[in-house]
Amino acid sequence: MTEGNPAAFAQAAECLKILAHPVRLRIVQLLLHGRFTVGELADDCGVPDNVASEHLRLMQRCGFFTSEREGRKVYYQIAEPRLQNIMDCIEDRFLTSPGNQD
């Protein structure tokens, strides 16, 4: 086990707080399966483009995503592959439990 680092724990807690929003978790889930524009993510999440853009901006600050411009479109994609581990845990615990299945 590694020694605790208060500054690292504080940074981790801040980034985990940023993830702790239903729309942001859905955005992560989508981006784990490919790259998308703000408009595509907003449509899927049922929020206006500016709201999706703000969610992306917050998560990008933590290094979770990168963006790439192609012409007039900006595509977002996962920059932190370990987000898959976090989403696996969330999906196993909350999305596939018997009480949450359709």
PDB file of N, CA and C in Angstrom:
ATOM      1  N   MET A   1       0.850  -1.176   0.000  1.00  0.00           N
ATOM      2  CA  MET A   1       0.000   0.000   0.000  1.00  0.00           C
ATOM      3  C   MET A   1       0.898   1.241   0.000  1.00  0.00           C
ATOM      4  N   THR A   2       0.510   2.248  -0.761  1.00  0.00           N
ATOM      5  CA  THR A   2       1.304   3.470  -0.816  1.00  0.00           C
ATOM      6  C   THR A   2       0.892   4.404   0.311  1.00  0.00           C
ATOM      7  N   GLU A   3       1.803   5.291   0.658  1.00  0.00           N
ATOM      8  CA  GLU A   3       1.550   6.249   1.728  1.00  0.00           C
ATOM      9  C   GLU A   3       0.540   7.290   1.268  1.00  0.00           C
ATOM     10  N   GLY A   4      -0.288   7.757   2.193  1.00  0.00           N
ATOM     11  CA  GLY A   4      -1.290   8.767   1.866  1.00  0.00           C
ATOM     12  C   GLY A   4      -0.653  10.100   1.526  1.00  0.00           C
ATOM     13  N   ASN A   5      -1.223  10.770   0.566  1.00  0.00           N
ATOM     14  CA  ASN A   5      -0.764  12.083   0.145  1.00  0.00           C
ATOM     15  C   ASN A   5      -1.975  13.008   0.194  1.00  0.00           C
ATOM     16  N   PRO A   6      -2.071  13.873   1.212  1.00  0.00           N
ATOM     17  CA  PRO A   6      -3.255  14.720   1.361  1.00  0.00           C
ATOM     18  C   PRO A   6      -3.595  15.544   0.121  1.00  0.00           C
ATOM     19  N   ALA A   7      -2.604  16.080  -0.556  1.00  0.00           N
ATOM     20  CA  ALA A   7      -2.875  16.890  -1.752  1.00  0.00           C
ATOM     21  C   ALA A   7      -3.458  16.032  -2.869  1.00  0.00           C
ATOM     22  N   ALA A   8      -2.935  14.830  -3.031  1.00  0.00           N
ATOM     23  CA  ALA A   8      -3.455  13.933  -4.066  1.00  0.00           C
ATOM     24  C   ALA A   8      -4.877  13.502  -3.740  1.00  0.00           C
ATOM     25  N   PHE A   9      -5.145  13.214  -2.459  1.00  0.00           N
ATOM     26  CA  PHE A   9      -6.502  12.840  -2.066  1.00  0.00           C
ATOM     27  C   PHE A   9      -7.474  13.996  -2.286  1.00  0.00           C
ATOM     28  N   ALA A  10      -7.036  15.212  -2.007  1.00  0.00           N
ATOM     29  CA  ALA A  10      -7.890  16.383  -2.220  1.00  0.00           C
ATOM     30  C   ALA A  10      -8.214  16.553  -3.699  1.00  0.00           C
ATOM     31  N   GLN A  11      -7.220  16.371  -4.554  1.00  0.00           N
ATOM     32  CA  GLN A  11      -7.442  16.479  -5.999  1.00  0.00           C
ATOM     33  C   GLN A  11      -8.374  15.372  -6.485  1.00  0.00           C
ATOM     34  N   ALA A  12      -8.164  14.159  -5.989  1.00  0.00           N
ATOM     35  CA  ALA A  12      -9.030  13.040  -6.372  1.00  0.00           C
ATOM     36  C   ALA A  12     -10.463  13.297  -5.931  1.00  0.00           C
ATOM     37  N   ALA A  13     -10.640  13.793  -4.715  1.00  0.00           N
ATOM     38  CA  ALA A  13     -11.984  14.074  -4.207  1.00  0.00           C
ATOM     39  C   ALA A  13     -12.672  15.133  -5.057  1.00  0.00           C
ATOM     40  N   GLU A  14     -11.927  16.148  -5.462  1.00  0.00           N
ATOM     41  CA  GLU A  14     -12.504  17.209  -6.296  1.00  0.00           C
ATOM     42  C   GLU A  14     -12.977  16.649  -7.637  1.00  0.00           C
ATOM     43  N   CYS A  15     -12.175  15.812  -8.254  1.00  0.00           N
ATOM     44  CA  CYS A  15     -12.556  15.227  -9.542  1.00  0.00           C
ATOM     45  C   CYS A  15     -13.719  14.249  -9.387  1.00  0.00           C
ATOM     46  N   LEU A  16     -13.751  13.502  -8.300  1.00  0.00           N
ATOM     47  CA  LEU A  16     -14.883  12.598  -8.068  1.00  0.00           C
ATOM     48  C   LEU A  16     -16.163  13.387  -7.822  1.00  0.00           C
ATOM     49  N   LYS A  17     -16.058  14.538  -7.144  1.00  0.00           N
ATOM     50  CA  LYS A  17     -17.235  15.396  -6.958  1.00  0.00           C
ATOM     51  C   LYS A  17     -17.760  15.874  -8.307  1.00  0.00           C
ATOM     52  N   ILE A  18     -16.851  16.203  -9.198  1.00  0.00           N
ATOM     53  CA  ILE A  18     -17.270  16.666 -10.525  1.00  0.00           C
ATOM     54  C   ILE A  18     -18.007  15.562 -11.270  1.00  0.00           C
ATOM     55  N   LEU A  19     -17.583  14.324 -11.122  1.00  0.00           N
ATOM     56  CA  LEU A  19     -18.268  13.201 -11.779  1.00  0.00           C
ATOM     57  C   LEU A  19     -19.642  12.926 -11.184  1.00  0.00           C
ATOM     58  N   ALA A  20     -19.862  13.351  -9.951  1.00  0.00           N
ATOM     59  CA  ALA A  20     -21.067  12.988  -9.203  1.00  0.00           C
ATOM     60  C   ALA A  20     -22.292  13.784  -9.650  1.00  0.00           C
ATOM     61  N   HIS A  21     -22.678  13.601 -10.898  1.00  0.00           N
ATOM     62  CA  HIS A  21     -23.866  14.256 -11.466  1.00  0.00           C
ATOM     63  C   HIS A  21     -24.429  13.316 -12.523  1.00  0.00           C
ATOM     64  N   PRO A  22     -25.742  13.103 -12.540  1.00  0.00           N
ATOM     65  CA  PRO A  22     -26.317  12.138 -13.492  1.00  0.00           C
ATOM     66  C   PRO A  22     -25.981  12.418 -14.957  1.00  0.00           C
ATOM     67  N   VAL A  23     -26.027  13.677 -15.370  1.00  0.00           N
ATOM     68  CA  VAL A  23     -25.725  14.003 -16.770  1.00  0.00           C
ATOM     69  C   VAL A  23     -24.252  13.730 -17.061  1.00  0.00           C
ATOM     70  N   ARG A  24     -23.388  14.062 -16.137  1.00  0.00           N
ATOM     71  CA  ARG A  24     -21.954  13.831 -16.356  1.00  0.00           C
ATOM     72  C   ARG A  24     -21.637  12.346 -16.431  1.00  0.00           C
ATOM     73  N   LEU A  25     -22.284  11.554 -15.588  1.00  0.00           N
ATOM     74  CA  LEU A  25     -22.068  10.103 -15.655  1.00  0.00           C
ATOM     75  C   LEU A  25     -22.545   9.550 -16.989  1.00  0.00           C
ATOM     76  N   ARG A  26     -23.668  10.049 -17.498  1.00  0.00           N
ATOM     77  CA  ARG A  26     -24.162   9.594 -18.801  1.00  0.00           C
ATOM     78  C   ARG A  26     -23.191  10.005 -19.907  1.00  0.00           C
ATOM     79  N   ILE A  27     -22.648  11.209 -19.827  1.00  0.00           N
ATOM     80  CA  ILE A  27     -21.668  11.656 -20.820  1.00  0.00           C
ATOM     81  C   ILE A  27     -20.455  10.734 -20.810  1.00  0.00           C
ATOM     82  N   VAL A  28     -19.961  10.394 -19.621  1.00  0.00           N
ATOM     83  CA  VAL A  28     -18.828   9.471 -19.523  1.00  0.00           C
ATOM     84  C   VAL A  28     -19.197   8.140 -20.156  1.00  0.00           C
ATOM     85  N   GLN A  29     -20.380   7.636 -19.829  1.00  0.00           N
ATOM     86  CA  GLN A  29     -20.831   6.350 -20.372  1.00  0.00           C
ATOM     87  C   GLN A  29     -20.839   6.384 -21.899  1.00  0.00           C
ATOM     88  N   LEU A  30     -21.347   7.459 -22.466  1.00  0.00           N
ATOM     89  CA  LEU A  30     -21.386   7.586 -23.925  1.00  0.00           C
ATOM     90  C   LEU A  30     -19.982   7.658 -24.518  1.00  0.00           C
ATOM     91  N   LEU A  31     -19.133   8.495 -23.931  1.00  0.00           N
ATOM     92  CA  LEU A  31     -17.798   8.693 -24.488  1.00  0.00           C
ATOM     93  C   LEU A  31     -16.915   7.460 -24.353  1.00  0.00           C
ATOM     94  N   LEU A  32     -17.242   6.577 -23.444  1.00  0.00           N
ATOM     95  CA  LEU A  32     -16.492   5.320 -23.351  1.00  0.00           C
ATOM     96  C   LEU A  32     -16.746   4.429 -24.566  1.00  0.00           C
ATOM     97  N   HIS A  33     -17.772   4.775 -25.352  1.00  0.00           N
ATOM     98  CA  HIS A  33     -18.112   3.981 -26.538  1.00  0.00           C
ATOM     99  C   HIS A  33     -17.796   4.695 -27.843  1.00  0.00           C
ATOM    100  N   GLY A  34     -17.150   5.859 -27.758  1.00  0.00           N
ATOM    101  CA  GLY A  34     -16.797   6.568 -28.987  1.00  0.00           C
ATOM    102  C   GLY A  34     -16.654   8.051 -28.739  1.00  0.00           C
ATOM    103  N   ARG A  35     -16.476   8.786 -29.805  1.00  0.00           N
ATOM    104  CA  ARG A  35     -16.339  10.238 -29.686  1.00  0.00           C
ATOM    105  C   ARG A  35     -17.607  10.904 -30.193  1.00  0.00           C
ATOM    106  N   PHE A  36     -17.947  12.016 -29.572  1.00  0.00           N
ATOM    107  CA  PHE A  36     -19.200  12.691 -29.868  1.00  0.00           C
ATOM    108  C   PHE A  36     -19.005  14.199 -29.819  1.00  0.00           C
ATOM    109  N   THR A  37     -19.902  14.909 -30.500  1.00  0.00           N
ATOM    110  CA  THR A  37     -19.936  16.368 -30.417  1.00  0.00           C
ATOM    111  C   THR A  37     -20.793  16.774 -29.222  1.00  0.00           C
ATOM    112  N   VAL A  38     -20.690  18.043 -28.845  1.00  0.00           N
ATOM    113  CA  VAL A  38     -21.524  18.568 -27.761  1.00  0.00           C
ATOM    114  C   VAL A  38     -22.995  18.361 -28.095  1.00  0.00           C
ATOM    115  N   GLY A  39     -23.371  18.659 -29.330  1.00  0.00           N
ATOM    116  CA  GLY A  39     -24.771  18.518 -29.730  1.00  0.00           C
ATOM    117  C   GLY A  39     -25.277  17.094 -29.606  1.00  0.00           C
ATOM    118  N   GLU A  40     -24.468  16.140 -30.010  1.00  0.00           N
ATOM    119  CA  GLU A  40     -24.865  14.732 -29.908  1.00  0.00           C
ATOM    120  C   GLU A  40     -25.032  14.319 -28.449  1.00  0.00           C
ATOM    121  N   LEU A  41     -24.095  14.741 -27.610  1.00  0.00           N
ATOM    122  CA  LEU A  41     -24.179  14.414 -26.185  1.00  0.00           C
ATOM    123  C   LEU A  41     -25.387  15.096 -25.546  1.00  0.00           C
ATOM    124  N   ALA A  42     -25.612  16.360 -25.899  1.00  0.00           N
ATOM    125  CA  ALA A  42     -26.750  17.101 -25.352  1.00  0.00           C
ATOM    126  C   ALA A  42     -28.063  16.428 -25.732  1.00  0.00           C
ATOM    127  N   ASP A  43     -28.203  16.036 -26.991  1.00  0.00           N
ATOM    128  CA  ASP A  43     -29.430  15.370 -27.442  1.00  0.00           C
ATOM    129  C   ASP A  43     -29.680  14.091 -26.664  1.00  0.00           C
ATOM    130  N   ASP A  44     -28.651  13.271 -26.512  1.00  0.00           N
ATOM    131  CA  ASP A  44     -28.817  12.007 -25.795  1.00  0.00           C
ATOM    132  C   ASP A  44     -29.173  12.232 -24.333  1.00  0.00           C
ATOM    133  N   CYS A  45     -28.580  13.258 -23.729  1.00  0.00           N
ATOM    134  CA  CYS A  45     -28.804  13.527 -22.301  1.00  0.00           C
ATOM    135  C   CYS A  45     -30.053  14.360 -22.043  1.00  0.00           C
ATOM    136  N   GLY A  46     -30.657  14.903 -23.094  1.00  0.00           N
ATOM    137  CA  GLY A  46     -31.866  15.705 -22.931  1.00  0.00           C
ATOM    138  C   GLY A  46     -31.620  17.057 -22.279  1.00  0.00           C
ATOM    139  N   VAL A  47     -30.466  17.645 -22.583  1.00  0.00           N
ATOM    140  CA  VAL A  47     -30.132  18.963 -22.037  1.00  0.00           C
ATOM    141  C   VAL A  47     -29.748  19.886 -23.193  1.00  0.00           C
ATOM    142  N   PRO A  48     -29.834  21.203 -22.983  1.00  0.00           N
ATOM    143  CA  PRO A  48     -29.382  22.136 -24.022  1.00  0.00           C
ATOM    144  C   PRO A  48     -27.873  22.006 -24.265  1.00  0.00           C
ATOM    145  N   ASP A  49     -27.447  22.403 -25.453  1.00  0.00           N
ATOM    146  CA  ASP A  49     -26.026  22.330 -25.811  1.00  0.00           C
ATOM    147  C   ASP A  49     -25.133  23.056 -24.809  1.00  0.00           C
ATOM    148  N   ASN A  50     -25.564  24.244 -24.356  1.00  0.00           N
ATOM    149  CA  ASN A  50     -24.712  25.011 -23.444  1.00  0.00           C
ATOM    150  C   ASN A  50     -24.539  24.303 -22.101  1.00  0.00           C
ATOM    151  N   VAL A  51     -25.551  23.557 -21.671  1.00  0.00           N
ATOM    152  CA  VAL A  51     -25.448  22.803 -20.414  1.00  0.00           C
ATOM    153  C   VAL A  51     -24.474  21.637 -20.590  1.00  0.00           C
ATOM    154  N   ALA A  52     -24.600  20.914 -21.699  1.00  0.00           N
ATOM    155  CA  ALA A  52     -23.671  19.810 -21.971  1.00  0.00           C
ATOM    156  C   ALA A  52     -22.245  20.338 -22.090  1.00  0.00           C
ATOM    157  N   SER A  53     -22.087  21.482 -22.719  1.00  0.00           N
ATOM    158  CA  SER A  53     -20.766  22.086 -22.885  1.00  0.00           C
ATOM    159  C   SER A  53     -20.139  22.416 -21.532  1.00  0.00           C
ATOM    160  N   GLU A  54     -20.938  22.929 -20.610  1.00  0.00           N
ATOM    161  CA  GLU A  54     -20.422  23.249 -19.274  1.00  0.00           C
ATOM    162  C   GLU A  54     -20.019  21.977 -18.526  1.00  0.00           C
ATOM    163  N   HIS A  55     -20.820  20.928 -18.631  1.00  0.00           N
ATOM    164  CA  HIS A  55     -20.463  19.649 -18.007  1.00  0.00           C
ATOM    165  C   HIS A  55     -19.130  19.141 -18.574  1.00  0.00           C
ATOM    166  N   LEU A  56     -18.978  19.210 -19.878  1.00  0.00           N
ATOM    167  CA  LEU A  56     -17.733  18.770 -20.511  1.00  0.00           C
ATOM    168  C   LEU A  56     -16.544  19.607 -20.053  1.00  0.00           C
ATOM    169  N   ARG A  57     -16.744  20.906 -19.955  1.00  0.00           N
ATOM    170  CA  ARG A  57     -15.667  21.801 -19.529  1.00  0.00           C
ATOM    171  C   ARG A  57     -15.175  21.424 -18.127  1.00  0.00           C
ATOM    172  N   LEU A  58     -16.116  21.175 -17.225  1.00  0.00           N
ATOM    173  CA  LEU A  58     -15.735  20.806 -15.859  1.00  0.00           C
ATOM    174  C   LEU A  58     -14.950  19.498 -15.834  1.00  0.00           C
ATOM    175  N   MET A  59     -15.428  18.514 -16.578  1.00  0.00           N
ATOM    176  CA  MET A  59     -14.755  17.215 -16.574  1.00  0.00           C
ATOM    177  C   MET A  59     -13.426  17.260 -17.316  1.00  0.00           C
ATOM    178  N   GLN A  60     -13.338  18.116 -18.320  1.00  0.00           N
ATOM    179  CA  GLN A  60     -12.083  18.240 -19.064  1.00  0.00           C
ATOM    180  C   GLN A  60     -10.995  18.848 -18.180  1.00  0.00           C
ATOM    181  N   ARG A  61     -11.388  19.713 -17.248  1.00  0.00           N
ATOM    182  CA  ARG A  61     -10.424  20.294 -16.301  1.00  0.00           C
ATOM    183  C   ARG A  61      -9.721  19.224 -15.476  1.00  0.00           C
ATOM    184  N   CYS A  62     -10.408  18.125 -15.212  1.00  0.00           N
ATOM    185  CA  CYS A  62      -9.812  17.015 -14.449  1.00  0.00           C
ATOM    186  C   CYS A  62      -9.006  16.081 -15.336  1.00  0.00           C
ATOM    187  N   GLY A  63      -8.970  16.359 -16.623  1.00  0.00           N
ATOM    188  CA  GLY A  63      -8.193  15.523 -17.534  1.00  0.00           C
ATOM    189  C   GLY A  63      -8.920  14.282 -18.005  1.00  0.00           C
ATOM    190  N   PHE A  64     -10.243  14.257 -17.834  1.00  0.00           N
ATOM    191  CA  PHE A  64     -11.013  13.084 -18.239  1.00  0.00           C
ATOM    192  C   PHE A  64     -11.183  12.988 -19.749  1.00  0.00           C
ATOM    193  N   PHE A  65     -11.259  14.134 -20.435  1.00  0.00           N
ATOM    194  CA  PHE A  65     -11.543  14.160 -21.869  1.00  0.00           C
ATOM    195  C   PHE A  65     -10.530  15.000 -22.616  1.00  0.00           C
ATOM    196  N   THR A  66     -10.451  14.739 -23.913  1.00  0.00           N
ATOM    197  CA  THR A  66      -9.755  15.628 -24.834  1.00  0.00           C
ATOM    198  C   THR A  66     -10.765  16.029 -25.897  1.00  0.00           C
ATOM    199  N   SER A  67     -10.449  17.080 -26.611  1.00  0.00           N
ATOM    200  CA  SER A  67     -11.317  17.507 -27.704  1.00  0.00           C
ATOM    201  C   SER A  67     -10.477  17.674 -28.957  1.00  0.00           C
ATOM    202  N   GLU A  68     -11.134  17.467 -30.086  1.00  0.00           N
ATOM    203  CA  GLU A  68     -10.455  17.554 -31.377  1.00  0.00           C
ATOM    204  C   GLU A  68     -11.400  18.227 -32.367  1.00  0.00           C
ATOM    205  N   ARG A  69     -10.905  19.281 -32.992  1.00  0.00           N
ATOM    206  CA  ARG A  69     -11.720  20.012 -33.965  1.00  0.00           C
ATOM    207  C   ARG A  69     -11.556  19.389 -35.342  1.00  0.00           C
ATOM    208  N   GLU A  70     -12.696  19.178 -35.993  1.00  0.00           N
ATOM    209  CA  GLU A  70     -12.717  18.734 -37.391  1.00  0.00           C
ATOM    210  C   GLU A  70     -13.662  19.666 -38.133  1.00  0.00           C
ATOM    211  N   GLY A  71     -13.088  20.601 -38.854  1.00  0.00           N
ATOM    212  CA  GLY A  71     -13.911  21.600 -39.522  1.00  0.00           C
ATOM    213  C   GLY A  71     -14.610  22.455 -38.485  1.00  0.00           C
ATOM    214  N   ARG A  72     -15.936  22.503 -38.561  1.00  0.00           N
ATOM    215  CA  ARG A  72     -16.712  23.307 -37.617  1.00  0.00           C
ATOM    216  C   ARG A  72     -17.129  22.523 -36.381  1.00  0.00           C
ATOM    217  N   LYS A  73     -16.855  21.239 -36.360  1.00  0.00           N
ATOM    218  CA  LYS A  73     -17.288  20.404 -35.237  1.00  0.00           C
ATOM    219  C   LYS A  73     -16.132  20.115 -34.292  1.00  0.00           C
ATOM    220  N   VAL A  74     -16.463  20.020 -33.010  1.00  0.00           N
ATOM    221  CA  VAL A  74     -15.492  19.634 -31.990  1.00  0.00           C
ATOM    222  C   VAL A  74     -15.955  18.307 -31.413  1.00  0.00           C
ATOM    223  N   TYR A  75     -15.081  17.323 -31.471  1.00  0.00           N
ATOM    224  CA  TYR A  75     -15.392  15.995 -30.949  1.00  0.00           C
ATOM    225  C   TYR A  75     -14.679  15.795 -29.618  1.00  0.00           C
ATOM    226  N   TYR A  76     -15.401  15.200 -28.691  1.00  0.00           N
ATOM    227  CA  TYR A  76     -14.837  14.873 -27.377  1.00  0.00           C
ATOM    228  C   TYR A  76     -14.611  13.382 -27.297  1.00  0.00           C
ATOM    229  N   GLN A  77     -13.535  13.011 -26.596  1.00  0.00           N
ATOM    230  CA  GLN A  77     -13.247  11.591 -26.397  1.00  0.00           C
ATOM    231  C   GLN A  77     -12.550  11.410 -25.055  1.00  0.00           C
ATOM    232  N   ILE A  78     -12.548  10.187 -24.585  1.00  0.00           N
ATOM    233  CA  ILE A  78     -11.952   9.851 -23.293  1.00  0.00           C
ATOM    234  C   ILE A  78     -10.432  10.032 -23.345  1.00  0.00           C
ATOM    235  N   ALA A  79      -9.900  10.712 -22.348  1.00  0.00           N
ATOM    236  CA  ALA A  79      -8.445  10.845 -22.204  1.00  0.00           C
ATOM    237  C   ALA A  79      -7.939   9.998 -21.040  1.00  0.00           C
ATOM    238  N   GLU A  80      -8.837   9.650 -20.138  1.00  0.00           N
ATOM    239  CA  GLU A  80      -8.471   8.867 -18.952  1.00  0.00           C
ATOM    240  C   GLU A  80      -9.150   7.504 -19.039  1.00  0.00           C
ATOM    241  N   PRO A  81      -8.435   6.491 -19.556  1.00  0.00           N
ATOM    242  CA  PRO A  81      -9.057   5.185 -19.775  1.00  0.00           C
ATOM    243  C   PRO A  81      -9.557   4.510 -18.500  1.00  0.00           C
ATOM    244  N   ARG A  82      -9.038   4.919 -17.339  1.00  0.00           N
ATOM    245  CA  ARG A  82      -9.499   4.296 -16.090  1.00  0.00           C
ATOM    246  C   ARG A  82     -10.906   4.721 -15.708  1.00  0.00           C
ATOM    247  N   LEU A  83     -11.475   5.667 -16.452  1.00  0.00           N
ATOM    248  CA  LEU A  83     -12.891   5.986 -16.245  1.00  0.00           C
ATOM    249  C   LEU A  83     -13.755   4.751 -16.483  1.00  0.00           C
ATOM    250  N   GLN A  84     -13.271   3.851 -17.337  1.00  0.00           N
ATOM    251  CA  GLN A  84     -14.010   2.606 -17.584  1.00  0.00           C
ATOM    252  C   GLN A  84     -14.186   1.823 -16.281  1.00  0.00           C
ATOM    253  N   ASN A  85     -13.150   1.776 -15.447  1.00  0.00           N
ATOM    254  CA  ASN A  85     -13.242   1.065 -14.169  1.00  0.00           C
ATOM    255  C   ASN A  85     -14.290   1.693 -13.256  1.00  0.00           C
ATOM    256  N   ILE A  86     -14.318   3.021 -13.217  1.00  0.00           N
ATOM    257  CA  ILE A  86     -15.305   3.721 -12.392  1.00  0.00           C
ATOM    258  C   ILE A  86     -16.704   3.429 -12.906  1.00  0.00           C
ATOM    259  N   MET A  87     -16.895   3.511 -14.235  1.00  0.00           N
ATOM    260  CA  MET A  87     -18.228   3.259 -14.794  1.00  0.00           C
ATOM    261  C   MET A  87     -18.634   1.804 -14.618  1.00  0.00           C
ATOM    262  N   ASP A  88     -17.696   0.875 -14.719  1.00  0.00           N
ATOM    263  CA  ASP A  88     -18.024  -0.534 -14.483  1.00  0.00           C
ATOM    264  C   ASP A  88     -18.579  -0.712 -13.078  1.00  0.00           C
ATOM    265  N   CYS A  89     -17.950  -0.096 -12.111  1.00  0.00           N
ATOM    266  CA  CYS A  89     -18.402  -0.180 -10.725  1.00  0.00           C
ATOM    267  C   CYS A  89     -19.801   0.421 -10.576  1.00  0.00           C
ATOM    268  N   ILE A  90     -20.015   1.599 -11.154  1.00  0.00           N
ATOM    269  CA  ILE A  90     -21.318   2.263 -11.069  1.00  0.00           C
ATOM    270  C   ILE A  90     -22.390   1.429 -11.755  1.00  0.00           C
ATOM    271  N   GLU A  91     -22.097   0.945 -12.960  1.00  0.00           N
ATOM    272  CA  GLU A  91     -23.080   0.142 -13.691  1.00  0.00           C
ATOM    273  C   GLU A  91     -23.399  -1.147 -12.948  1.00  0.00           C
ATOM    274  N   ASP A  92     -22.379  -1.825 -12.419  1.00  0.00           N
ATOM    275  CA  ASP A  92     -22.616  -3.067 -11.675  1.00  0.00           C
ATOM    276  C   ASP A  92     -23.466  -2.826 -10.439  1.00  0.00           C
ATOM    277  N   ARG A  93     -23.204  -1.743  -9.750  1.00  0.00           N
ATOM    278  CA  ARG A  93     -23.888  -1.472  -8.483  1.00  0.00           C
ATOM    279  C   ARG A  93     -25.265  -0.855  -8.664  1.00  0.00           C
ATOM    280  N   PHE A  94     -25.421   0.058  -9.608  1.00  0.00           N
ATOM    281  CA  PHE A  94     -26.644   0.841  -9.689  1.00  0.00           C
ATOM    282  C   PHE A  94     -27.492   0.601 -10.929  1.00  0.00           C
ATOM    283  N   LEU A  95     -26.893   0.192 -12.027  1.00  0.00           N
ATOM    284  CA  LEU A  95     -27.655   0.073 -13.267  1.00  0.00           C
ATOM    285  C   LEU A  95     -28.063  -1.352 -13.591  1.00  0.00           C
ATOM    286  N   THR A  96     -27.430  -2.339 -12.993  1.00  0.00           N
ATOM    287  CA  THR A  96     -27.783  -3.726 -13.311  1.00  0.00           C
ATOM    288  C   THR A  96     -28.365  -4.471 -12.121  1.00  0.00           C
ATOM    289  N   SER A  97     -28.639  -3.755 -11.028  1.00  0.00           N
ATOM    290  CA  SER A  97     -29.255  -4.425  -9.885  1.00  0.00           C
ATOM    291  C   SER A  97     -30.719  -4.713 -10.211  1.00  0.00           C
ATOM    292  N   PRO A  98     -31.313  -5.753  -9.618  1.00  0.00           N
ATOM    293  CA  PRO A  98     -32.688  -6.147  -9.950  1.00  0.00           C
ATOM    294  C   PRO A  98     -33.698  -5.016  -9.824  1.00  0.00           C
ATOM    295  N   GLY A  99     -33.529  -4.113  -8.888  1.00  0.00           N
ATOM    296  CA  GLY A  99     -34.480  -3.017  -8.720  1.00  0.00           C
ATOM    297  C   GLY A  99     -34.372  -1.938  -9.765  1.00  0.00           C
ATOM    298  N   ASN A 100     -33.308  -1.940 -10.558  1.00  0.00           N
ATOM    299  CA  ASN A 100     -33.096  -0.890 -11.552  1.00  0.00           C
ATOM    300  C   ASN A 100     -33.240  -1.371 -12.981  1.00  0.00           C
ATOM    301  N   GLN A 101     -33.581  -2.618 -13.185  1.00  0.00           N
ATOM    302  CA  GLN A 101     -33.742  -3.122 -14.544  1.00  0.00           C
ATOM    303  C   GLN A 101     -35.172  -2.904 -15.005  1.00  0.00           C
ATOM    304  N   ASP A 102     -35.315  -2.653 -16.317  1.00  0.00           N
ATOM    305  CA  ASP A 102     -36.658  -2.445 -16.886  1.00  0.00           C
ATOM    306  C   ASP A 102     -37.349  -3.754 -17.104  1.00  0.00           C
TER     307      ASP A 102
END
